[in-house]
Amino acid sequence: MGMVMVKCPQTGRAIPTGIKSDRETFLRSIVFFGNTRCPICQANHNWFAREAWVEEPIVRTAEILGAAPSC
């Protein structure tokens, strides 16, 4: 599960929309329009689903298997 992200048009930085999804589900979703308050520039940004992406956390194989991380 990851966070749907969009680009702030003023700064070009990625910002979270507050919507959680996995990539496959998001790609299968209907076309929609969203509005997100930007924590960087403090403006509201309107966006379409085609402009967004899902940023999922990186999970290491050792963590999945429960092994202690090596140094």
C-alpha atoms as a PDB file:
ATOM      1  CA  MET A   1       0.000   0.000   0.000  1.00  0.00           C
ATOM      2  CA  GLY A   2       1.379   3.385  -0.920  1.00  0.00           C
ATOM      3  CA  MET A   3       0.443   7.054  -1.169  1.00  0.00           C
ATOM      4  CA  VAL A   4      -0.943   8.709  -4.292  1.00  0.00           C
ATOM      5  CA  MET A   5       1.382  11.597  -5.141  1.00  0.00           C
ATOM      6  CA  VAL A   6       1.223  14.595  -7.483  1.00  0.00           C
ATOM      7  CA  LYS A   7       3.711  17.272  -8.467  1.00  0.00           C
ATOM      8  CA  CYS A   8       3.421  20.784  -7.010  1.00  0.00           C
ATOM      9  CA  PRO A   9       3.208  23.031 -10.096  1.00  0.00           C
ATOM     10  CA  GLN A  10       4.988  25.864  -8.292  1.00  0.00           C
ATOM     11  CA  THR A  11       7.987  23.945  -6.901  1.00  0.00           C
ATOM     12  CA  GLY A  12       8.030  20.762  -8.988  1.00  0.00           C
ATOM     13  CA  ARG A  13       8.287  18.664  -5.811  1.00  0.00           C
ATOM     14  CA  ALA A  14       6.216  15.540  -5.140  1.00  0.00           C
ATOM     15  CA  ILE A  15       3.417  16.014  -2.616  1.00  0.00           C
ATOM     16  CA  PRO A  16       1.085  13.454  -1.004  1.00  0.00           C
ATOM     17  CA  THR A  17      -2.621  13.631  -1.826  1.00  0.00           C
ATOM     18  CA  GLY A  18      -3.743  11.816   1.328  1.00  0.00           C
ATOM     19  CA  ILE A  19      -5.101   8.933  -0.775  1.00  0.00           C
ATOM     20  CA  LYS A  20      -3.696   5.463  -0.028  1.00  0.00           C
ATOM     21  CA  SER A  21      -3.690   2.809  -2.750  1.00  0.00           C
ATOM     22  CA  ASP A  22      -1.562   0.165  -4.393  1.00  0.00           C
ATOM     23  CA  ARG A  23      -0.291   0.720  -7.943  1.00  0.00           C
ATOM     24  CA  GLU A  24      -2.469  -1.899  -9.630  1.00  0.00           C
ATOM     25  CA  THR A  25      -5.711  -0.685  -8.030  1.00  0.00           C
ATOM     26  CA  PHE A  26      -4.884   2.947  -8.787  1.00  0.00           C
ATOM     27  CA  LEU A  27      -4.098   2.173 -12.439  1.00  0.00           C
ATOM     28  CA  ARG A  28      -7.454   0.361 -12.778  1.00  0.00           C
ATOM     29  CA  SER A  29      -9.433   3.191 -11.180  1.00  0.00           C
ATOM     30  CA  ILE A  30     -11.741   5.410 -13.176  1.00  0.00           C
ATOM     31  CA  VAL A  31     -10.486   8.762 -14.360  1.00  0.00           C
ATOM     32  CA  PHE A  32     -11.080  11.287 -11.635  1.00  0.00           C
ATOM     33  CA  PHE A  33     -10.265  14.822 -10.591  1.00  0.00           C
ATOM     34  CA  GLY A  34      -8.720  15.690  -7.230  1.00  0.00           C
ATOM     35  CA  ASN A  35      -7.787  18.684  -5.129  1.00  0.00           C
ATOM     36  CA  THR A  36      -4.899  18.644  -2.665  1.00  0.00           C
ATOM     37  CA  ARG A  37      -3.610  21.236  -0.221  1.00  0.00           C
ATOM     38  CA  CYS A  38       0.148  21.551  -0.773  1.00  0.00           C
ATOM     39  CA  PRO A  39       2.264  21.440   2.387  1.00  0.00           C
ATOM     40  CA  ILE A  40       5.120  23.138   0.516  1.00  0.00           C
ATOM     41  CA  CYS A  41       3.551  26.244  -1.069  1.00  0.00           C
ATOM     42  CA  GLN A  42       0.301  26.271   0.984  1.00  0.00           C
ATOM     43  CA  ALA A  43      -1.882  26.436  -2.165  1.00  0.00           C
ATOM     44  CA  ASN A  44      -4.660  24.101  -3.310  1.00  0.00           C
ATOM     45  CA  HIS A  45      -3.698  22.138  -6.430  1.00  0.00           C
ATOM     46  CA  ASN A  46      -6.263  20.590  -8.774  1.00  0.00           C
ATOM     47  CA  TRP A  47      -5.114  17.447 -10.549  1.00  0.00           C
ATOM     48  CA  PHE A  48      -6.315  14.552 -12.711  1.00  0.00           C
ATOM     49  CA  ALA A  49      -5.538  10.900 -11.961  1.00  0.00           C
ATOM     50  CA  ARG A  50      -3.370  10.681 -15.093  1.00  0.00           C
ATOM     51  CA  GLU A  51      -0.986  13.235 -13.488  1.00  0.00           C
ATOM     52  CA  ALA A  52      -0.621  11.204 -10.281  1.00  0.00           C
ATOM     53  CA  TRP A  53       1.353   8.114  -9.278  1.00  0.00           C
ATOM     54  CA  VAL A  54       1.558   5.747  -6.323  1.00  0.00           C
ATOM     55  CA  GLU A  55       4.714   5.915  -4.266  1.00  0.00           C
ATOM     56  CA  GLU A  56       5.052   2.672  -2.341  1.00  0.00           C
ATOM     57  CA  PRO A  57       7.503   2.124   0.518  1.00  0.00           C
ATOM     58  CA  ILE A  58      10.553  -0.001  -0.251  1.00  0.00           C
ATOM     59  CA  VAL A  59      10.529  -3.287   1.632  1.00  0.00           C
ATOM     60  CA  ARG A  60      13.751  -5.257   1.880  1.00  0.00           C
ATOM     61  CA  THR A  61      13.632  -9.041   1.490  1.00  0.00           C
ATOM     62  CA  ALA A  62      15.380  -9.567   4.851  1.00  0.00           C
ATOM     63  CA  GLU A  63      12.656  -7.552   6.585  1.00  0.00           C
ATOM     64  CA  ILE A  64       9.932  -9.621   4.948  1.00  0.00           C
ATOM     65  CA  LEU A  65      11.569 -12.850   6.095  1.00  0.00           C
ATOM     66  CA  GLY A  66      12.074 -11.492   9.602  1.00  0.00           C
ATOM     67  CA  ALA A  67      15.856 -11.650   9.454  1.00  0.00           C
ATOM     68  CA  ALA A  68      17.967  -9.144  11.322  1.00  0.00           C
ATOM     69  CA  PRO A  69      19.557  -6.548   9.041  1.00  0.00           C
ATOM     70  CA  SER A  70      23.253  -7.073   8.414  1.00  0.00           C
ATOM     71  CA  CYS A  71      25.831  -4.317   8.692  1.00  0.00           C
END
